[in-house]
N, C-alpha and C. Protein backbone atom coordinates (compact mmCIF):
# COMPACT_ATOMS: atom_id res chain seq x y z
N MET A 1 69.72 -16.78 -114.33
CA MET A 1 70.47 -17.40 -113.25
C MET A 1 69.49 -18.02 -112.27
N ILE A 2 69.82 -19.19 -111.78
CA ILE A 2 69.01 -19.84 -110.76
C ILE A 2 69.88 -20.09 -109.53
N ARG A 3 69.25 -20.15 -108.39
CA ARG A 3 69.96 -20.40 -107.13
C ARG A 3 69.93 -21.89 -106.85
N VAL A 4 71.11 -22.46 -106.56
CA VAL A 4 71.21 -23.87 -106.17
C VAL A 4 71.96 -23.95 -104.85
N THR A 5 71.75 -25.05 -104.13
CA THR A 5 72.39 -25.23 -102.84
C THR A 5 73.32 -26.43 -102.90
N ARG A 6 74.59 -26.20 -102.64
CA ARG A 6 75.57 -27.29 -102.63
C ARG A 6 75.33 -28.18 -101.41
N LEU A 7 75.96 -29.33 -101.39
CA LEU A 7 75.77 -30.26 -100.28
C LEU A 7 76.22 -29.68 -98.95
N ASP A 8 77.20 -28.77 -98.96
CA ASP A 8 77.67 -28.17 -97.70
C ASP A 8 76.77 -27.03 -97.23
N GLY A 9 75.69 -26.73 -97.97
CA GLY A 9 74.75 -25.69 -97.59
C GLY A 9 75.01 -24.34 -98.22
N SER A 10 76.14 -24.18 -98.87
CA SER A 10 76.42 -22.89 -99.52
C SER A 10 75.58 -22.75 -100.78
N GLU A 11 75.24 -21.51 -101.08
CA GLU A 11 74.40 -21.25 -102.26
C GLU A 11 75.25 -20.75 -103.41
N LEU A 12 74.76 -21.02 -104.59
CA LEU A 12 75.47 -20.66 -105.80
C LEU A 12 74.45 -20.22 -106.84
N LEU A 13 74.77 -19.17 -107.58
CA LEU A 13 73.92 -18.78 -108.71
C LEU A 13 74.50 -19.43 -109.96
N LEU A 14 73.64 -20.09 -110.71
CA LEU A 14 74.06 -20.87 -111.86
C LEU A 14 73.36 -20.36 -113.11
N ASN A 15 74.13 -20.18 -114.17
CA ASN A 15 73.56 -19.80 -115.45
C ASN A 15 72.86 -21.03 -116.02
N SER A 16 71.54 -21.01 -116.06
CA SER A 16 70.78 -22.19 -116.48
C SER A 16 70.99 -22.53 -117.95
N ASP A 17 71.52 -21.59 -118.74
CA ASP A 17 71.81 -21.88 -120.15
C ASP A 17 72.98 -22.85 -120.29
N LEU A 18 73.77 -23.01 -119.23
CA LEU A 18 74.93 -23.90 -119.28
C LEU A 18 74.61 -25.33 -118.87
N ILE A 19 73.36 -25.58 -118.43
CA ILE A 19 72.99 -26.92 -117.98
C ILE A 19 72.74 -27.83 -119.18
N GLU A 20 73.42 -28.97 -119.16
CA GLU A 20 73.20 -29.97 -120.21
C GLU A 20 72.23 -31.04 -119.74
N THR A 21 72.47 -31.59 -118.53
CA THR A 21 71.57 -32.59 -117.96
C THR A 21 71.50 -32.43 -116.46
N VAL A 22 70.41 -32.97 -115.88
CA VAL A 22 70.25 -33.03 -114.43
C VAL A 22 69.79 -34.44 -114.10
N GLU A 23 70.48 -35.08 -113.15
CA GLU A 23 70.14 -36.45 -112.75
C GLU A 23 69.91 -36.51 -111.25
N GLN A 24 69.02 -37.39 -110.82
CA GLN A 24 68.78 -37.64 -109.39
C GLN A 24 69.44 -38.98 -109.07
N THR A 25 70.55 -38.99 -108.29
CA THR A 25 71.31 -40.23 -108.10
C THR A 25 71.89 -40.46 -106.70
N PRO A 26 71.40 -40.45 -105.56
CA PRO A 26 70.18 -39.84 -105.06
C PRO A 26 70.28 -38.33 -104.95
N ASP A 27 71.52 -37.77 -104.89
CA ASP A 27 71.64 -36.31 -104.93
C ASP A 27 71.45 -35.86 -106.37
N SER A 28 71.16 -34.59 -106.55
CA SER A 28 71.01 -34.07 -107.91
C SER A 28 72.39 -33.73 -108.46
N VAL A 29 72.68 -34.26 -109.63
CA VAL A 29 73.95 -34.00 -110.30
C VAL A 29 73.63 -33.18 -111.56
N ILE A 30 74.20 -31.98 -111.60
CA ILE A 30 74.00 -31.09 -112.75
C ILE A 30 75.24 -31.17 -113.61
N SER A 31 75.07 -31.59 -114.86
CA SER A 31 76.17 -31.62 -115.82
C SER A 31 76.08 -30.37 -116.68
N LEU A 32 77.20 -29.67 -116.79
CA LEU A 32 77.24 -28.44 -117.57
C LEU A 32 77.85 -28.70 -118.95
N VAL A 33 77.60 -27.82 -119.88
CA VAL A 33 78.08 -27.99 -121.24
C VAL A 33 79.61 -27.98 -121.32
N ASN A 34 80.29 -27.40 -120.33
CA ASN A 34 81.75 -27.37 -120.34
C ASN A 34 82.37 -28.62 -119.70
N GLY A 35 81.53 -29.61 -119.32
CA GLY A 35 82.03 -30.85 -118.74
C GLY A 35 82.05 -30.87 -117.22
N HIS A 36 81.89 -29.73 -116.58
CA HIS A 36 81.87 -29.68 -115.12
C HIS A 36 80.57 -30.28 -114.59
N LYS A 37 80.66 -30.81 -113.38
CA LYS A 37 79.47 -31.37 -112.72
C LYS A 37 79.33 -30.72 -111.35
N LEU A 38 78.08 -30.45 -110.97
CA LEU A 38 77.77 -29.91 -109.65
C LEU A 38 76.83 -30.89 -108.95
N VAL A 39 77.12 -31.19 -107.69
CA VAL A 39 76.22 -32.02 -106.89
C VAL A 39 75.53 -31.07 -105.92
N VAL A 40 74.19 -31.07 -105.95
CA VAL A 40 73.43 -30.11 -105.16
C VAL A 40 72.35 -30.80 -104.35
N ARG A 41 71.87 -30.10 -103.31
CA ARG A 41 70.79 -30.62 -102.46
C ARG A 41 69.42 -30.55 -103.12
N ASP A 42 69.26 -29.60 -104.01
CA ASP A 42 67.96 -29.35 -104.63
C ASP A 42 67.53 -30.56 -105.46
N THR A 43 66.22 -30.83 -105.45
CA THR A 43 65.70 -31.95 -106.24
C THR A 43 65.61 -31.53 -107.71
N VAL A 44 65.50 -32.52 -108.57
CA VAL A 44 65.34 -32.25 -109.99
C VAL A 44 64.09 -31.41 -110.23
N ALA A 45 63.00 -31.73 -109.53
CA ALA A 45 61.75 -30.97 -109.68
C ALA A 45 61.95 -29.50 -109.29
N GLN A 46 62.67 -29.25 -108.21
CA GLN A 46 62.93 -27.88 -107.79
C GLN A 46 63.76 -27.14 -108.84
N LEU A 47 64.76 -27.81 -109.37
CA LEU A 47 65.61 -27.19 -110.38
C LEU A 47 64.82 -26.85 -111.64
N VAL A 48 64.00 -27.78 -112.08
CA VAL A 48 63.18 -27.55 -113.27
C VAL A 48 62.24 -26.37 -113.03
N GLU A 49 61.62 -26.32 -111.86
CA GLU A 49 60.71 -25.21 -111.54
C GLU A 49 61.44 -23.88 -111.58
N ARG A 50 62.64 -23.82 -111.01
CA ARG A 50 63.40 -22.57 -110.99
C ARG A 50 63.81 -22.15 -112.41
N ILE A 51 64.19 -23.12 -113.23
CA ILE A 51 64.58 -22.81 -114.61
C ILE A 51 63.38 -22.27 -115.38
N VAL A 52 62.23 -22.92 -115.23
CA VAL A 52 61.02 -22.49 -115.93
C VAL A 52 60.63 -21.07 -115.48
N LEU A 53 60.64 -20.81 -114.18
CA LEU A 53 60.30 -19.48 -113.67
C LEU A 53 61.27 -18.42 -114.19
N PHE A 54 62.56 -18.75 -114.20
CA PHE A 54 63.56 -17.81 -114.70
C PHE A 54 63.31 -17.50 -116.17
N ARG A 55 63.09 -18.52 -116.96
CA ARG A 55 62.88 -18.31 -118.40
C ARG A 55 61.57 -17.56 -118.67
N GLN A 56 60.54 -17.85 -117.89
CA GLN A 56 59.29 -17.10 -118.05
C GLN A 56 59.53 -15.63 -117.77
N GLY A 57 60.28 -15.35 -116.72
CA GLY A 57 60.58 -13.96 -116.38
C GLY A 57 61.35 -13.25 -117.48
N VAL A 58 62.29 -13.95 -118.09
CA VAL A 58 63.08 -13.37 -119.17
C VAL A 58 62.19 -13.06 -120.37
N HIS A 59 61.31 -13.99 -120.70
CA HIS A 59 60.47 -13.81 -121.89
C HIS A 59 59.28 -12.90 -121.65
N LEU A 60 58.79 -12.82 -120.43
CA LEU A 60 57.65 -11.97 -120.13
C LEU A 60 58.05 -10.52 -119.90
N CYS A 61 59.30 -10.30 -119.53
CA CYS A 61 59.75 -8.94 -119.22
C CYS A 61 59.47 -7.96 -120.36
N PRO A 62 59.78 -8.27 -121.62
CA PRO A 62 59.45 -7.32 -122.69
C PRO A 62 57.95 -7.07 -122.81
N LEU A 63 57.14 -8.09 -122.57
CA LEU A 63 55.70 -7.92 -122.64
C LEU A 63 55.20 -7.00 -121.53
N LEU A 64 55.77 -7.17 -120.33
CA LEU A 64 55.39 -6.30 -119.22
C LEU A 64 55.77 -4.86 -119.50
N LYS A 65 56.98 -4.65 -120.03
CA LYS A 65 57.42 -3.30 -120.35
C LYS A 65 56.48 -2.67 -121.37
N GLU A 66 56.09 -3.44 -122.37
CA GLU A 66 55.17 -2.95 -123.40
C GLU A 66 53.82 -2.58 -122.79
N THR A 67 53.32 -3.44 -121.91
CA THR A 67 52.03 -3.19 -121.26
C THR A 67 52.10 -1.93 -120.40
N LEU A 68 53.18 -1.80 -119.64
CA LEU A 68 53.32 -0.63 -118.77
C LEU A 68 53.50 0.65 -119.58
N SER A 69 54.25 0.58 -120.67
CA SER A 69 54.44 1.77 -121.52
C SER A 69 53.11 2.23 -122.09
N ALA A 70 52.31 1.29 -122.56
CA ALA A 70 51.00 1.62 -123.10
C ALA A 70 50.09 2.16 -122.00
N ALA A 71 50.25 1.65 -120.78
CA ALA A 71 49.39 2.03 -119.67
C ALA A 71 49.67 3.45 -119.18
N ILE A 72 50.88 3.94 -119.41
CA ILE A 72 51.25 5.27 -118.93
C ILE A 72 50.35 6.35 -119.53
N VAL A 73 49.93 6.15 -120.79
CA VAL A 73 49.10 7.16 -121.44
C VAL A 73 47.62 6.96 -121.17
N GLN A 74 47.28 5.93 -120.38
CA GLN A 74 45.88 5.65 -120.07
C GLN A 74 45.52 6.17 -118.68
N LYS A 75 44.24 6.13 -118.37
CA LYS A 75 43.77 6.53 -117.05
C LYS A 75 44.15 5.45 -116.04
N PRO A 76 44.31 5.81 -114.74
CA PRO A 76 44.69 4.84 -113.72
C PRO A 76 43.81 3.59 -113.68
N SER A 77 42.51 3.74 -113.89
CA SER A 77 41.64 2.56 -113.85
C SER A 77 41.95 1.63 -115.03
N GLN A 78 42.34 2.20 -116.15
CA GLN A 78 42.69 1.39 -117.31
C GLN A 78 44.03 0.70 -117.10
N VAL A 79 44.92 1.33 -116.34
CA VAL A 79 46.21 0.72 -116.03
C VAL A 79 45.98 -0.57 -115.24
N ASP A 80 45.12 -0.52 -114.22
CA ASP A 80 44.82 -1.71 -113.43
C ASP A 80 44.27 -2.82 -114.31
N SER A 81 43.36 -2.46 -115.22
CA SER A 81 42.76 -3.46 -116.12
C SER A 81 43.81 -4.05 -117.05
N ALA A 82 44.70 -3.21 -117.57
CA ALA A 82 45.74 -3.68 -118.48
C ALA A 82 46.68 -4.65 -117.79
N LEU A 83 47.04 -4.35 -116.55
CA LEU A 83 47.95 -5.22 -115.81
C LEU A 83 47.30 -6.55 -115.44
N ARG A 84 45.99 -6.54 -115.23
CA ARG A 84 45.27 -7.77 -114.91
C ARG A 84 44.95 -8.56 -116.16
N GLY A 85 45.14 -7.97 -117.33
CA GLY A 85 44.83 -8.66 -118.58
C GLY A 85 43.38 -8.66 -118.94
N SER A 86 42.58 -7.78 -118.31
CA SER A 86 41.15 -7.74 -118.64
C SER A 86 40.84 -6.61 -119.57
């Protein structure tokens, strides 16, 4: 889910998997796969950044869990190293 801001200033959480296209005309128009359109204040660049960050978080979460699980059986100094990737 990403946070978007409607033209009236209200915020909305949007399932980014439902986004089909995003256009800058001059407001950002988000077209959803179900045919609905949302006009928002956020720029296309901001929307893309939020989607990328959200997807990275979804895909990295299992890796973080794996790293932390492995770190539990290690010494505290090794935990710090594991989390830093060194």
